[in-house]
Amino acid sequence: MLIFFAILLLVAGGMGYYFWSRKQARATLLATPLSEHQRAVIEAMVPIVKRLPPDLRDRLQGKVNLFLDQVDFIGCDDLEVTEEMQLSIAAQACILVVNSDMWYDNLTTILIYPNAFKSQQRRHSGYVVTEQEIVRTGESWDRGPVILSWAHSKQGARDDHDGHNVVFHEFAHQIDDLSGGTNGVPLLAEGQTFAEWERVFLTAFEAHVHAVESGRRTVIDPYGAEGHEEFFAVSVEVFFERPQALKHENPEVYEQLSKLFRLDPVAWV
């Protein structure tokens, strides 16, 4: 019996040390700045970074370090993954969580294709299941991985005022999934309520669907009419890249996203 308890104590002690060491390693990564070369690559490839306030730009560096330590990047269709690809994607993903406690806890792998790729889409209608092959520029799976077209990820980052960014879009889905399902309702920040989020986003979604069906132009991409989860993701794209337009057209959506991410992109100059 004494031997049994001794083994339990050793196991518990080992587990405690493991979690303590992981916590220390995480803290070290978050506190470590990027190299001058890495910062230059990110600023050249992800120009929105240059609009961040200095304190957020400093915080972004540590989160990029943590992201690069956690995630494996795998090239598909003979694509050779470069440091520039990793830094660009990591920086874009980390902008979303630069000022919050949210993190991509379940993500360990990113697959990168040179261009748009084919994906199987399955639809259910009662007992009938249909499959079709569609072309995508990005895809986010529950608990990972994230799959990206490098051509579109690169262009989305470089044009940071058009409201279209595939990395923001797919990582918005990853954030959405942290609540246990990708349904347009992420884990909310302190001070936010589900009732208010639901009221704002359901109202905005229904208005968006009506506008798209009526053929009217919208600040939020028409693809958002596909479902609540897509409406959330495309709203995130616009929140970061066309914040003034989003705040003007739908101030309540902007306010909810601002609270969620603890960011105010309108104020970035």
C-alpha atoms as a PDB file:
ATOM      1  CA  MET A   1       0.000   0.000   0.000  1.00  0.00           C
ATOM      2  CA  LEU A   2       2.825   2.382   0.869  1.00  0.00           C
ATOM      3  CA  ILE A   3       4.446   1.638  -2.470  1.00  0.00           C
ATOM      4  CA  PHE A   4       1.137   2.389  -4.225  1.00  0.00           C
ATOM      5  CA  PHE A   5       0.839   5.797  -2.534  1.00  0.00           C
ATOM      6  CA  ALA A   6       4.477   6.538  -3.260  1.00  0.00           C
ATOM      7  CA  ILE A   7       3.867   5.863  -6.947  1.00  0.00           C
ATOM      8  CA  LEU A   8       0.799   8.111  -6.884  1.00  0.00           C
ATOM      9  CA  LEU A   9       2.840  10.907  -5.331  1.00  0.00           C
ATOM     10  CA  LEU A  10       5.538  10.512  -7.946  1.00  0.00           C
ATOM     11  CA  VAL A  11       3.003  10.586 -10.777  1.00  0.00           C
ATOM     12  CA  ALA A  12       1.240  13.606  -9.301  1.00  0.00           C
ATOM     13  CA  GLY A  13       4.543  15.366  -8.816  1.00  0.00           C
ATOM     14  CA  GLY A  14       5.574  14.584 -12.371  1.00  0.00           C
ATOM     15  CA  MET A  15       2.306  15.881 -13.757  1.00  0.00           C
ATOM     16  CA  GLY A  16       2.579  19.013 -11.646  1.00  0.00           C
ATOM     17  CA  TYR A  17       6.080  19.681 -12.916  1.00  0.00           C
ATOM     18  CA  TYR A  18       4.963  19.061 -16.513  1.00  0.00           C
ATOM     19  CA  PHE A  19       2.172  21.631 -16.322  1.00  0.00           C
ATOM     20  CA  TRP A  20       4.405  24.098 -14.467  1.00  0.00           C
ATOM     21  CA  SER A  21       7.137  23.777 -17.094  1.00  0.00           C
ATOM     22  CA  ARG A  22       4.607  24.247 -19.906  1.00  0.00           C
ATOM     23  CA  LYS A  23       3.285  27.361 -18.207  1.00  0.00           C
ATOM     24  CA  GLN A  24       6.822  28.719 -17.825  1.00  0.00           C
ATOM     25  CA  ALA A  25       7.667  27.952 -21.458  1.00  0.00           C
ATOM     26  CA  ARG A  26       4.495  29.721 -22.594  1.00  0.00           C
ATOM     27  CA  ALA A  27       5.317  32.774 -20.488  1.00  0.00           C
ATOM     28  CA  THR A  28       8.846  32.875 -21.914  1.00  0.00           C
ATOM     29  CA  LEU A  29       7.594  32.718 -25.501  1.00  0.00           C
ATOM     30  CA  LEU A  30       5.042  35.480 -24.885  1.00  0.00           C
ATOM     31  CA  ALA A  31       7.743  37.700 -23.424  1.00  0.00           C
ATOM     32  CA  THR A  32      10.282  37.089 -26.202  1.00  0.00           C
ATOM     33  CA  PRO A  33      10.407  39.651 -29.043  1.00  0.00           C
ATOM     34  CA  LEU A  34      10.804  38.611 -32.637  1.00  0.00           C
ATOM     35  CA  SER A  35      14.089  39.193 -34.407  1.00  0.00           C
ATOM     36  CA  GLU A  36      14.536  42.328 -36.491  1.00  0.00           C
ATOM     37  CA  HIS A  37      14.378  40.141 -39.614  1.00  0.00           C
ATOM     38  CA  GLN A  38      11.101  38.518 -38.526  1.00  0.00           C
ATOM     39  CA  ARG A  39       9.531  41.891 -37.751  1.00  0.00           C
ATOM     40  CA  ALA A  40      10.560  43.212 -41.158  1.00  0.00           C
ATOM     41  CA  VAL A  41       9.057  40.186 -42.935  1.00  0.00           C
ATOM     42  CA  ILE A  42       5.754  40.542 -41.074  1.00  0.00           C
ATOM     43  CA  GLU A  43       5.473  44.281 -41.687  1.00  0.00           C
ATOM     44  CA  ALA A  44       6.182  43.780 -45.394  1.00  0.00           C
ATOM     45  CA  MET A  45       3.737  40.905 -45.839  1.00  0.00           C
ATOM     46  CA  VAL A  46       1.024  41.947 -43.345  1.00  0.00           C
ATOM     47  CA  PRO A  47       0.850  45.762 -43.570  1.00  0.00           C
ATOM     48  CA  ILE A  48      -2.092  46.019 -41.155  1.00  0.00           C
ATOM     49  CA  VAL A  49       0.473  45.315 -38.420  1.00  0.00           C
ATOM     50  CA  LYS A  50       1.970  48.773 -38.987  1.00  0.00           C
ATOM     51  CA  ARG A  51      -1.378  50.330 -38.006  1.00  0.00           C
ATOM     52  CA  LEU A  52      -1.433  48.615 -34.616  1.00  0.00           C
ATOM     53  CA  PRO A  53      -0.699  50.811 -31.593  1.00  0.00           C
ATOM     54  CA  PRO A  54       2.849  50.213 -30.255  1.00  0.00           C
ATOM     55  CA  ASP A  55       1.692  48.223 -27.208  1.00  0.00           C
ATOM     56  CA  LEU A  56      -0.326  45.839 -29.379  1.00  0.00           C
ATOM     57  CA  ARG A  57       2.532  45.508 -31.848  1.00  0.00           C
ATOM     58  CA  ASP A  58       4.807  44.457 -28.984  1.00  0.00           C
ATOM     59  CA  ARG A  59       2.214  41.991 -27.680  1.00  0.00           C
ATOM     60  CA  LEU A  60       1.761  40.523 -31.145  1.00  0.00           C
ATOM     61  CA  GLN A  61       5.404  39.454 -31.264  1.00  0.00           C
ATOM     62  CA  GLY A  62       5.081  37.171 -28.256  1.00  0.00           C
ATOM     63  CA  LYS A  63       1.874  35.637 -29.564  1.00  0.00           C
ATOM     64  CA  VAL A  64       3.487  34.944 -32.924  1.00  0.00           C
ATOM     65  CA  ASN A  65       6.322  33.181 -31.073  1.00  0.00           C
ATOM     66  CA  LEU A  66       3.813  31.052 -29.176  1.00  0.00           C
ATOM     67  CA  PHE A  67       1.888  30.267 -32.367  1.00  0.00           C
ATOM     68  CA  LEU A  68       5.003  29.202 -34.271  1.00  0.00           C
ATOM     69  CA  ASP A  69       6.051  26.973 -31.371  1.00  0.00           C
ATOM     70  CA  GLN A  70       2.639  25.284 -31.227  1.00  0.00           C
ATOM     71  CA  VAL A  71       1.696  24.809 -34.887  1.00  0.00           C
ATOM     72  CA  ASP A  72       3.175  22.643 -37.625  1.00  0.00           C
ATOM     73  CA  PHE A  73       2.907  24.023 -41.171  1.00  0.00           C
ATOM     74  CA  ILE A  74       2.617  21.368 -43.867  1.00  0.00           C
ATOM     75  CA  GLY A  75       2.843  22.100 -47.586  1.00  0.00           C
ATOM     76  CA  CYS A  76       0.477  20.297 -49.964  1.00  0.00           C
ATOM     77  CA  ASP A  77       0.745  19.670 -53.725  1.00  0.00           C
ATOM     78  CA  ASP A  78       4.551  19.908 -53.506  1.00  0.00           C
ATOM     79  CA  LEU A  79       4.478  23.355 -51.885  1.00  0.00           C
ATOM     80  CA  GLU A  80       7.643  24.125 -49.939  1.00  0.00           C
ATOM     81  CA  VAL A  81       6.690  26.051 -46.813  1.00  0.00           C
ATOM     82  CA  THR A  82       8.935  29.059 -46.217  1.00  0.00           C
ATOM     83  CA  GLU A  83       9.600  31.217 -43.178  1.00  0.00           C
ATOM     84  CA  GLU A  84       7.718  34.053 -44.877  1.00  0.00           C
ATOM     85  CA  MET A  85       4.595  31.905 -45.195  1.00  0.00           C
ATOM     86  CA  GLN A  86       4.736  30.877 -41.552  1.00  0.00           C
ATOM     87  CA  LEU A  87       5.290  34.412 -40.295  1.00  0.00           C
ATOM     88  CA  SER A  88       2.560  35.886 -42.496  1.00  0.00           C
ATOM     89  CA  ILE A  89      -0.086  33.355 -41.482  1.00  0.00           C
ATOM     90  CA  ALA A  90       0.929  33.407 -37.814  1.00  0.00           C
ATOM     91  CA  ALA A  91       0.797  37.199 -37.652  1.00  0.00           C
ATOM     92  CA  GLN A  92      -2.636  37.338 -39.268  1.00  0.00           C
ATOM     93  CA  ALA A  93      -4.011  34.662 -36.940  1.00  0.00           C
ATOM     94  CA  CYS A  94      -2.549  36.368 -33.878  1.00  0.00           C
ATOM     95  CA  ILE A  95      -3.961  39.804 -34.734  1.00  0.00           C
ATOM     96  CA  LEU A  96      -7.401  38.408 -33.877  1.00  0.00           C
ATOM     97  CA  VAL A  97      -6.299  37.439 -30.362  1.00  0.00           C
ATOM     98  CA  VAL A  98      -3.595  40.043 -29.781  1.00  0.00           C
ATOM     99  CA  ASN A  99      -5.417  41.782 -26.927  1.00  0.00           C
ATOM    100  CA  SER A 100      -7.555  39.017 -25.461  1.00  0.00           C
ATOM    101  CA  ASP A 101      -7.180  35.803 -23.486  1.00  0.00           C
ATOM    102  CA  MET A 102      -8.582  33.726 -26.342  1.00  0.00           C
ATOM    103  CA  TRP A 103      -6.170  31.238 -27.847  1.00  0.00           C
ATOM    104  CA  TYR A 104      -6.169  28.489 -30.452  1.00  0.00           C
ATOM    105  CA  ASP A 105      -5.824  25.744 -27.865  1.00  0.00           C
ATOM    106  CA  ASN A 106      -6.852  22.896 -30.171  1.00  0.00           C
ATOM    107  CA  LEU A 107      -4.838  23.866 -33.225  1.00  0.00           C
ATOM    108  CA  THR A 108      -1.630  22.001 -34.019  1.00  0.00           C
ATOM    109  CA  THR A 109      -1.565  21.831 -37.836  1.00  0.00           C
ATOM    110  CA  ILE A 110      -1.981  24.175 -40.793  1.00  0.00           C
ATOM    111  CA  LEU A 111      -2.071  22.716 -44.299  1.00  0.00           C
ATOM    112  CA  ILE A 112      -1.051  25.096 -47.082  1.00  0.00           C
ATOM    113  CA  TYR A 113      -1.865  24.647 -50.771  1.00  0.00           C
ATOM    114  CA  PRO A 114      -0.236  26.788 -53.468  1.00  0.00           C
ATOM    115  CA  ASN A 115      -3.633  27.970 -54.738  1.00  0.00           C
ATOM    116  CA  ALA A 116      -7.331  27.206 -54.302  1.00  0.00           C
ATOM    117  CA  PHE A 117      -7.942  23.527 -53.601  1.00  0.00           C
ATOM    118  CA  LYS A 118     -10.752  21.015 -54.050  1.00  0.00           C
ATOM    119  CA  SER A 119     -12.794  19.880 -51.076  1.00  0.00           C
ATOM    120  CA  GLN A 120     -15.676  17.470 -50.564  1.00  0.00           C
ATOM    121  CA  GLN A 121     -18.850  19.087 -49.240  1.00  0.00           C
ATOM    122  CA  ARG A 122     -21.533  16.892 -47.682  1.00  0.00           C
ATOM    123  CA  ARG A 123     -25.131  18.072 -47.298  1.00  0.00           C
ATOM    124  CA  HIS A 124     -27.933  16.372 -45.372  1.00  0.00           C
ATOM    125  CA  SER A 125     -31.598  16.645 -46.309  1.00  0.00           C
ATOM    126  CA  GLY A 126     -33.566  14.279 -44.114  1.00  0.00           C
ATOM    127  CA  TYR A 127     -32.241  10.811 -44.875  1.00  0.00           C
ATOM    128  CA  VAL A 128     -30.639  11.952 -48.123  1.00  0.00           C
ATOM    129  CA  VAL A 129     -26.921  12.779 -48.105  1.00  0.00           C
ATOM    130  CA  THR A 130     -25.347  14.403 -51.147  1.00  0.00           C
ATOM    131  CA  GLU A 131     -21.674  15.083 -51.771  1.00  0.00           C
ATOM    132  CA  GLN A 132     -20.118  17.515 -54.193  1.00  0.00           C
ATOM    133  CA  GLU A 133     -16.607  18.660 -54.938  1.00  0.00           C
ATOM    134  CA  ILE A 134     -16.097  22.394 -54.529  1.00  0.00           C
ATOM    135  CA  VAL A 135     -13.122  24.722 -54.840  1.00  0.00           C
ATOM    136  CA  ARG A 136     -12.071  26.544 -51.675  1.00  0.00           C
ATOM    137  CA  THR A 137      -9.475  29.120 -50.664  1.00  0.00           C
ATOM    138  CA  GLY A 138      -9.644  28.129 -47.004  1.00  0.00           C
ATOM    139  CA  GLU A 139     -11.213  25.646 -44.650  1.00  0.00           C
ATOM    140  CA  SER A 140     -11.402  25.314 -40.867  1.00  0.00           C
ATOM    141  CA  TRP A 141     -12.128  22.016 -39.171  1.00  0.00           C
ATOM    142  CA  ASP A 142     -13.442  21.594 -35.642  1.00  0.00           C
ATOM    143  CA  ARG A 143     -10.420  21.332 -33.334  1.00  0.00           C
ATOM    144  CA  GLY A 144      -8.196  21.913 -36.389  1.00  0.00           C
ATOM    145  CA  PRO A 145      -6.562  21.729 -38.811  1.00  0.00           C
ATOM    146  CA  VAL A 146      -6.854  24.952 -40.788  1.00  0.00           C
ATOM    147  CA  ILE A 147      -6.342  24.591 -44.540  1.00  0.00           C
ATOM    148  CA  LEU A 148      -5.289  27.612 -46.606  1.00  0.00           C
ATOM    149  CA  SER A 149      -4.470  28.646 -50.146  1.00  0.00           C
ATOM    150  CA  TRP A 150      -1.165  30.486 -49.944  1.00  0.00           C
ATOM    151  CA  ALA A 151      -1.927  32.639 -52.994  1.00  0.00           C
ATOM    152  CA  HIS A 152      -5.132  33.908 -51.357  1.00  0.00           C
ATOM    153  CA  SER A 153      -3.603  34.170 -47.873  1.00  0.00           C
ATOM    154  CA  LYS A 154      -0.781  36.293 -49.257  1.00  0.00           C
ATOM    155  CA  GLN A 155      -3.088  38.567 -51.274  1.00  0.00           C
ATOM    156  CA  GLY A 156      -5.588  38.877 -48.426  1.00  0.00           C
ATOM    157  CA  ALA A 157      -2.881  40.134 -46.122  1.00  0.00           C
ATOM    158  CA  ARG A 158      -1.316  42.568 -48.581  1.00  0.00           C
ATOM    159  CA  ASP A 159      -4.632  44.241 -49.466  1.00  0.00           C
ATOM    160  CA  ASP A 160      -5.708  45.179 -45.955  1.00  0.00           C
ATOM    161  CA  HIS A 161      -8.534  47.562 -46.911  1.00  0.00           C
ATOM    162  CA  ASP A 162     -10.793  45.422 -49.117  1.00  0.00           C
ATOM    163  CA  GLY A 163     -12.587  43.531 -46.334  1.00  0.00           C
ATOM    164  CA  HIS A 164     -11.505  40.106 -47.636  1.00  0.00           C
ATOM    165  CA  ASN A 165      -8.961  38.057 -45.723  1.00  0.00           C
ATOM    166  CA  VAL A 166      -9.090  34.268 -45.837  1.00  0.00           C
ATOM    167  CA  VAL A 167      -6.821  33.845 -42.791  1.00  0.00           C
ATOM    168  CA  PHE A 168      -9.005  36.125 -40.669  1.00  0.00           C
ATOM    169  CA  HIS A 169     -12.032  34.210 -41.931  1.00  0.00           C
ATOM    170  CA  GLU A 170     -10.782  30.720 -41.116  1.00  0.00           C
ATOM    171  CA  PHE A 171      -9.357  31.712 -37.752  1.00  0.00           C
ATOM    172  CA  ALA A 172     -12.647  33.399 -36.875  1.00  0.00           C
ATOM    173  CA  HIS A 173     -14.120  29.903 -37.308  1.00  0.00           C
ATOM    174  CA  GLN A 174     -11.440  28.535 -34.963  1.00  0.00           C
ATOM    175  CA  ILE A 175     -12.409  31.148 -32.375  1.00  0.00           C
ATOM    176  CA  ASP A 176     -16.090  30.332 -32.912  1.00  0.00           C
ATOM    177  CA  ASP A 177     -15.333  26.642 -32.303  1.00  0.00           C
ATOM    178  CA  LEU A 178     -13.829  27.341 -28.864  1.00  0.00           C
ATOM    179  CA  SER A 179     -17.381  27.473 -27.506  1.00  0.00           C
ATOM    180  CA  GLY A 180     -17.881  23.824 -28.467  1.00  0.00           C
ATOM    181  CA  GLY A 181     -19.325  24.271 -31.943  1.00  0.00           C
ATOM    182  CA  THR A 182     -19.030  26.517 -34.979  1.00  0.00           C
ATOM    183  CA  ASN A 183     -22.380  28.306 -34.881  1.00  0.00           C
ATOM    184  CA  GLY A 184     -21.644  32.024 -34.845  1.00  0.00           C
ATOM    185  CA  VAL A 185     -21.575  32.268 -31.050  1.00  0.00           C
ATOM    186  CA  PRO A 186     -17.991  32.283 -29.712  1.00  0.00           C
ATOM    187  CA  LEU A 187     -16.944  32.309 -26.082  1.00  0.00           C
ATOM    188  CA  LEU A 188     -17.879  35.839 -25.105  1.00  0.00           C
ATOM    189  CA  ALA A 189     -15.654  38.300 -23.299  1.00  0.00           C
ATOM    190  CA  GLU A 190     -16.208  39.580 -19.787  1.00  0.00           C
ATOM    191  CA  GLY A 191     -19.104  42.030 -19.779  1.00  0.00           C
ATOM    192  CA  GLN A 192     -20.791  40.493 -22.816  1.00  0.00           C
ATOM    193  CA  THR A 193     -24.055  38.567 -22.533  1.00  0.00           C
ATOM    194  CA  PHE A 194     -25.430  35.837 -24.741  1.00  0.00           C
ATOM    195  CA  ALA A 195     -28.805  37.594 -24.888  1.00  0.00           C
ATOM    196  CA  GLU A 196     -27.288  40.791 -26.270  1.00  0.00           C
ATOM    197  CA  TRP A 197     -25.010  38.945 -28.704  1.00  0.00           C
ATOM    198  CA  GLU A 198     -27.953  36.898 -29.967  1.00  0.00           C
ATOM    199  CA  ARG A 199     -30.167  39.957 -30.371  1.00  0.00           C
ATOM    200  CA  VAL A 200     -27.535  41.912 -32.303  1.00  0.00           C
ATOM    201  CA  PHE A 201     -26.294  39.120 -34.545  1.00  0.00           C
ATOM    202  CA  LEU A 202     -29.641  37.509 -35.310  1.00  0.00           C
ATOM    203  CA  THR A 203     -31.105  40.882 -36.251  1.00  0.00           C
ATOM    204  CA  ALA A 204     -28.063  41.755 -38.383  1.00  0.00           C
ATOM    205  CA  PHE A 205     -28.005  38.319 -40.018  1.00  0.00           C
ATOM    206  CA  GLU A 206     -31.665  38.446 -40.997  1.00  0.00           C
ATOM    207  CA  ALA A 207     -31.220  41.958 -42.420  1.00  0.00           C
ATOM    208  CA  HIS A 208     -28.140  40.796 -44.307  1.00  0.00           C
ATOM    209  CA  VAL A 209     -29.944  37.813 -45.825  1.00  0.00           C
ATOM    210  CA  HIS A 210     -32.791  40.069 -46.922  1.00  0.00           C
ATOM    211  CA  ALA A 211     -30.367  42.565 -48.471  1.00  0.00           C
ATOM    212  CA  VAL A 212     -28.481  39.829 -50.353  1.00  0.00           C
ATOM    213  CA  GLU A 213     -31.704  38.270 -51.626  1.00  0.00           C
ATOM    214  CA  SER A 214     -32.842  41.723 -52.751  1.00  0.00           C
ATOM    215  CA  GLY A 215     -29.625  42.275 -54.677  1.00  0.00           C
ATOM    216  CA  ARG A 216     -28.476  45.207 -52.551  1.00  0.00           C
ATOM    217  CA  ARG A 217     -24.784  45.847 -51.921  1.00  0.00           C
ATOM    218  CA  THR A 218     -23.599  45.257 -48.381  1.00  0.00           C
ATOM    219  CA  VAL A 219     -20.412  46.042 -46.482  1.00  0.00           C
ATOM    220  CA  ILE A 220     -20.400  42.483 -45.150  1.00  0.00           C
ATOM    221  CA  ASP A 221     -19.691  39.951 -47.905  1.00  0.00           C
ATOM    222  CA  PRO A 222     -22.815  38.265 -49.356  1.00  0.00           C
ATOM    223  CA  TYR A 223     -21.312  34.900 -48.372  1.00  0.00           C
ATOM    224  CA  GLY A 224     -22.351  35.748 -44.838  1.00  0.00           C
ATOM    225  CA  ALA A 225     -25.933  34.890 -45.821  1.00  0.00           C
ATOM    226  CA  GLU A 226     -24.939  31.200 -45.987  1.00  0.00           C
ATOM    227  CA  GLY A 227     -25.353  30.768 -42.226  1.00  0.00           C
ATOM    228  CA  HIS A 228     -24.737  32.274 -38.802  1.00  0.00           C
ATOM    229  CA  GLU A 229     -21.192  30.918 -38.626  1.00  0.00           C
ATOM    230  CA  GLU A 230     -20.299  32.433 -42.010  1.00  0.00           C
ATOM    231  CA  PHE A 231     -21.901  35.737 -41.084  1.00  0.00           C
ATOM    232  CA  PHE A 232     -19.690  35.885 -37.999  1.00  0.00           C
ATOM    233  CA  ALA A 233     -16.552  35.042 -39.989  1.00  0.00           C
ATOM    234  CA  VAL A 234     -17.090  37.590 -42.763  1.00  0.00           C
ATOM    235  CA  SER A 235     -18.026  40.213 -40.158  1.00  0.00           C
ATOM    236  CA  VAL A 236     -14.636  39.608 -38.542  1.00  0.00           C
ATOM    237  CA  GLU A 237     -12.917  40.196 -41.891  1.00  0.00           C
ATOM    238  CA  VAL A 238     -14.648  43.559 -42.279  1.00  0.00           C
ATOM    239  CA  PHE A 239     -14.143  44.488 -38.613  1.00  0.00           C
ATOM    240  CA  PHE A 240     -10.366  44.430 -39.089  1.00  0.00           C
ATOM    241  CA  GLU A 241     -10.037  45.632 -42.681  1.00  0.00           C
ATOM    242  CA  ARG A 242     -12.960  48.062 -43.124  1.00  0.00           C
ATOM    243  CA  PRO A 243     -13.838  49.018 -39.567  1.00  0.00           C
ATOM    244  CA  GLN A 244     -15.193  52.483 -40.363  1.00  0.00           C
ATOM    245  CA  ALA A 245     -17.581  51.049 -42.959  1.00  0.00           C
ATOM    246  CA  LEU A 246     -18.807  48.325 -40.590  1.00  0.00           C
ATOM    247  CA  LYS A 247     -19.295  50.768 -37.736  1.00  0.00           C
ATOM    248  CA  HIS A 248     -21.260  53.086 -40.019  1.00  0.00           C
ATOM    249  CA  GLU A 249     -23.490  50.360 -41.502  1.00  0.00           C
ATOM    250  CA  ASN A 250     -23.963  48.235 -38.387  1.00  0.00           C
ATOM    251  CA  PRO A 251     -22.644  49.911 -35.235  1.00  0.00           C
ATOM    252  CA  GLU A 252     -24.038  47.221 -32.911  1.00  0.00           C
ATOM    253  CA  VAL A 253     -22.176  44.426 -34.711  1.00  0.00           C
ATOM    254  CA  TYR A 254     -19.016  46.525 -34.553  1.00  0.00           C
ATOM    255  CA  GLU A 255     -19.543  47.119 -30.834  1.00  0.00           C
ATOM    256  CA  GLN A 256     -20.002  43.412 -30.074  1.00  0.00           C
ATOM    257  CA  LEU A 257     -16.877  42.469 -32.020  1.00  0.00           C
ATOM    258  CA  SER A 258     -14.951  45.270 -30.340  1.00  0.00           C
ATOM    259  CA  LYS A 259     -15.916  43.880 -26.939  1.00  0.00           C
ATOM    260  CA  LEU A 260     -15.137  40.302 -27.991  1.00  0.00           C
ATOM    261  CA  PHE A 261     -11.635  41.063 -29.270  1.00  0.00           C
ATOM    262  CA  ARG A 262     -10.999  43.999 -26.912  1.00  0.00           C
ATOM    263  CA  LEU A 263      -9.934  46.023 -29.934  1.00  0.00           C
ATOM    264  CA  ASP A 264     -11.053  49.210 -31.693  1.00  0.00           C
ATOM    265  CA  PRO A 265      -9.652  49.136 -35.261  1.00  0.00           C
ATOM    266  CA  VAL A 266     -11.405  52.421 -36.111  1.00  0.00           C
ATOM    267  CA  ALA A 267      -8.896  54.149 -33.874  1.00  0.00           C
ATOM    268  CA  TRP A 268      -5.869  52.626 -35.628  1.00  0.00           C
ATOM    269  CA  VAL A 269      -4.030  55.077 -37.867  1.00  0.00           C
END
